[in-house]
Amino acid sequence: MSTALRITLDEYHRMIEQGAFVGTRRAELIHGEIIEMSPIGTGHAGTVTELGEWSVDNAPRGSVQVRVQQPITIPEAASEPEPDLAWVNRKPYRTSHPRAADVLLLVEVAETSLQYDRNTKGLLYSAAGIEDYWIVNIPARRIEVYRRPTSEGYLEVISYGERETFTSLRFPEIRLEVARLFAAVDGE
């Protein structure tokens, strides 16, 4: 029997507005439960920085907004995860966070959170209809690309190694060399 207290998105937002998380570690709302996020290690931080720079250099500025470690809202799942990187439709998000329908690409960087990112977050993102989900698997030095979302998970998973290059689903002209991300981990 679970003893977790479930809250709504509105309750979570009120807690944030009232400063409930000031001075505490980072947290996100997943299926109505406040989940403490892992501290960010140096490999994780370097990889997120490299992804952010690659994104700013390559994302079509007129149609894509790059968001780094910012929330997206999935109301039907009472969730507000904070992915490491998201490309969303360009528009003002001053009164609400982007919704799943706004997401063009979503990336999680996994140094210690691989199973959580594959299972809990992967199922959440798939059920929400996010079409292009990547996990940067730092220990294996691979990028896992998840596509064709269903309510029960992604139907397509492709893993790319350091010597490979691949493209985003929505912008096939934009290429990412996997080795670029692991150079950030290695400090090169």
Protein backbone atom coordinates (compact mmCIF):
# COMPACT_ATOMS: atom_id res chain seq x y z
CA MET A 1 0.00 0.00 0.00
CA SER A 2 1.39 3.37 -1.04
CA THR A 3 1.53 6.14 1.53
CA ALA A 4 2.26 8.85 -1.01
CA LEU A 5 0.12 11.97 -0.81
CA ARG A 6 -1.17 12.87 -4.27
CA ILE A 7 -1.69 16.51 -5.17
CA THR A 8 -3.11 18.32 -8.16
CA LEU A 9 -1.25 20.59 -10.54
CA ASP A 10 -3.08 23.59 -9.04
CA GLU A 11 -1.96 22.61 -5.53
CA TYR A 12 1.60 22.14 -6.77
CA HIS A 13 1.59 25.58 -8.45
CA ARG A 14 0.24 27.19 -5.26
CA MET A 15 3.05 25.53 -3.28
CA ILE A 16 5.61 26.96 -5.72
CA GLU A 17 4.03 30.45 -5.55
CA GLN A 18 4.13 30.31 -1.74
CA GLY A 19 7.83 29.42 -1.75
CA ALA A 20 7.43 25.85 -0.50
CA PHE A 21 10.56 24.71 -2.33
CA VAL A 22 12.85 27.68 -1.69
CA GLY A 23 16.14 26.48 -0.26
CA THR A 24 15.38 22.83 -0.96
CA ARG A 25 16.65 20.45 -3.60
CA ARG A 26 15.01 20.36 -7.00
CA ALA A 27 11.70 18.54 -7.37
CA GLU A 28 9.14 17.76 -10.05
CA LEU A 29 5.54 16.56 -10.02
CA ILE A 30 5.01 13.10 -11.53
CA HIS A 31 1.52 11.53 -11.43
CA GLY A 32 0.51 13.82 -8.58
CA GLU A 33 3.54 12.98 -6.44
CA ILE A 34 6.39 15.37 -5.66
CA ILE A 35 9.61 13.59 -6.63
CA GLU A 36 12.99 14.83 -5.48
CA MET A 37 15.40 15.08 -8.40
CA SER A 38 18.92 13.71 -8.28
CA PRO A 39 21.74 16.22 -7.79
CA ILE A 40 23.47 17.16 -11.03
CA GLY A 41 26.95 15.68 -11.47
CA THR A 42 29.68 17.21 -13.60
CA GLY A 43 29.20 14.79 -16.53
CA HIS A 44 25.47 15.49 -16.52
CA ALA A 45 26.00 19.25 -16.33
CA GLY A 46 28.58 19.26 -19.13
CA THR A 47 26.31 17.18 -21.36
CA VAL A 48 23.29 19.42 -20.74
CA THR A 49 25.42 22.47 -21.53
CA GLU A 50 26.65 20.90 -24.78
CA LEU A 51 23.08 19.91 -25.75
CA GLY A 52 21.92 23.45 -25.04
CA GLU A 53 24.66 24.98 -27.17
CA TRP A 54 24.02 22.50 -30.01
CA SER A 55 20.31 23.32 -29.80
CA VAL A 56 20.76 27.08 -29.88
CA ASP A 57 23.13 26.71 -32.84
CA ASN A 58 20.80 24.39 -34.80
CA ALA A 59 17.14 24.81 -33.81
CA PRO A 60 15.14 26.93 -36.28
CA ARG A 61 14.89 30.21 -34.35
CA GLY A 62 11.64 31.34 -35.90
CA SER A 63 9.68 28.25 -34.91
CA VAL A 64 11.52 26.62 -31.98
CA GLN A 65 12.21 27.78 -28.45
CA VAL A 66 14.97 25.90 -26.61
CA ARG A 67 14.28 25.27 -22.93
CA VAL A 68 16.91 23.86 -20.58
CA GLN A 69 15.76 22.20 -17.33
CA GLN A 70 12.38 23.96 -17.45
CA PRO A 71 8.97 22.41 -16.74
CA ILE A 72 6.45 21.09 -19.21
CA THR A 73 2.89 20.49 -18.06
CA ILE A 74 1.00 17.25 -18.63
CA PRO A 75 -2.35 17.91 -16.93
CA GLU A 76 -3.99 14.60 -17.87
CA ALA A 77 -1.28 12.82 -15.83
CA ALA A 78 -1.11 15.40 -13.00
CA SER A 79 2.54 15.88 -13.93
CA GLU A 80 5.03 18.66 -14.43
CA PRO A 81 8.41 17.11 -15.20
CA GLU A 82 11.53 19.18 -15.77
CA PRO A 83 13.36 17.55 -18.67
CA ASP A 84 16.98 18.43 -19.26
CA LEU A 85 16.21 19.86 -22.68
CA ALA A 86 13.08 20.56 -24.69
CA TRP A 87 12.48 22.08 -28.08
CA VAL A 88 8.99 23.56 -28.03
CA ASN A 89 6.85 25.58 -30.43
CA ARG A 90 7.93 29.20 -30.25
CA LYS A 91 5.36 31.26 -28.41
CA PRO A 92 5.21 33.14 -25.10
CA TYR A 93 4.99 30.89 -22.04
CA ARG A 94 4.50 33.59 -19.45
CA THR A 95 1.25 32.34 -17.93
CA SER A 96 1.72 28.60 -18.39
CA HIS A 97 4.42 26.10 -19.20
CA PRO A 98 4.47 24.30 -22.56
CA ARG A 99 2.14 21.32 -22.86
CA ALA A 100 3.01 17.98 -24.44
CA ALA A 101 1.45 19.13 -27.73
CA ASP A 102 4.00 21.99 -27.82
CA VAL A 103 7.01 19.65 -27.50
CA LEU A 104 9.00 19.00 -30.68
CA LEU A 105 11.92 17.22 -28.99
CA LEU A 106 12.52 16.21 -25.40
CA VAL A 107 15.84 15.01 -23.90
CA GLU A 108 16.80 13.55 -20.54
CA VAL A 109 20.45 13.09 -19.59
CA ALA A 110 20.95 9.96 -17.49
CA GLU A 111 23.99 9.53 -15.32
CA THR A 112 22.26 7.85 -12.36
CA SER A 113 18.60 8.05 -13.44
CA LEU A 114 18.57 5.71 -16.45
CA GLN A 115 15.84 3.29 -15.30
CA TYR A 116 13.65 6.16 -14.08
CA ASP A 117 14.09 8.02 -17.39
CA ARG A 118 13.35 4.87 -19.42
CA ASN A 119 10.41 3.63 -17.41
CA THR A 120 8.60 6.28 -15.36
CA LYS A 121 9.37 9.27 -17.55
CA GLY A 122 9.37 7.29 -20.80
CA LEU A 123 5.86 5.99 -20.13
CA LEU A 124 4.70 9.45 -19.05
CA TYR A 125 6.07 11.09 -22.19
CA SER A 126 4.79 8.34 -24.48
CA ALA A 127 1.27 8.44 -23.03
CA ALA A 128 1.29 12.23 -23.46
CA GLY A 129 2.11 11.78 -27.16
CA ILE A 130 5.63 13.24 -27.19
CA GLU A 131 6.92 11.95 -30.52
CA ASP A 132 10.69 12.42 -30.18
CA TYR A 133 12.24 11.51 -26.81
CA TRP A 134 15.98 11.02 -26.35
CA ILE A 135 17.92 9.69 -23.40
CA VAL A 136 21.62 10.49 -23.29
CA ASN A 137 22.89 7.36 -21.55
CA ILE A 138 26.19 8.57 -20.08
CA PRO A 139 27.38 5.23 -18.59
CA ALA A 140 26.89 3.38 -21.92
CA ARG A 141 28.01 6.40 -23.99
CA ARG A 142 24.96 6.06 -26.22
CA ILE A 143 21.86 8.04 -27.12
CA GLU A 144 18.57 6.16 -26.99
CA VAL A 145 15.94 7.59 -29.32
CA TYR A 146 12.28 6.79 -28.57
CA ARG A 147 9.58 7.34 -31.19
CA ARG A 148 6.06 6.24 -32.12
CA PRO A 149 4.38 6.90 -28.75
CA THR A 150 1.40 4.92 -27.45
CA SER A 151 -0.41 4.89 -24.13
CA GLU A 152 1.68 1.85 -23.16
CA GLY A 153 5.12 3.06 -24.25
CA TYR A 154 7.17 3.83 -27.31
CA LEU A 155 7.01 1.34 -30.20
CA GLU A 156 10.39 2.33 -31.67
CA VAL A 157 13.68 2.53 -29.78
CA ILE A 158 16.99 3.05 -31.57
CA SER A 159 20.33 3.35 -29.82
CA TYR A 160 23.21 5.34 -31.34
CA GLY A 161 26.87 4.97 -30.39
CA GLU A 162 29.74 7.42 -30.32
CA ARG A 163 30.69 6.95 -33.97
CA GLU A 164 27.18 7.63 -35.22
CA THR A 165 25.19 10.66 -36.28
CA PHE A 166 21.40 10.97 -36.28
CA THR A 167 18.65 13.53 -36.82
CA SER A 168 15.67 14.89 -34.98
CA LEU A 169 12.25 13.64 -36.09
CA ARG A 170 10.74 17.06 -36.90
CA PHE A 171 13.90 18.53 -38.41
CA PRO A 172 15.71 15.79 -40.36
CA GLU A 173 18.15 18.32 -41.79
CA ILE A 174 19.56 18.87 -38.28
CA ARG A 175 22.21 16.30 -37.38
CA LEU A 176 23.82 15.44 -34.04
CA GLU A 177 27.15 13.66 -33.78
CA VAL A 178 26.93 11.47 -30.67
CA ALA A 179 30.65 11.87 -29.92
CA ARG A 180 30.09 15.62 -29.41
CA LEU A 181 28.11 14.94 -26.24
CA PHE A 182 30.60 12.54 -24.74
CA ALA A 183 33.48 14.95 -25.35
CA ALA A 184 31.62 17.14 -22.83
CA VAL A 185 31.60 14.26 -20.32
CA ASP A 186 35.30 13.63 -20.88
CA GLY A 187 36.13 17.31 -20.43
CA GLU A 188 37.64 17.58 -23.90
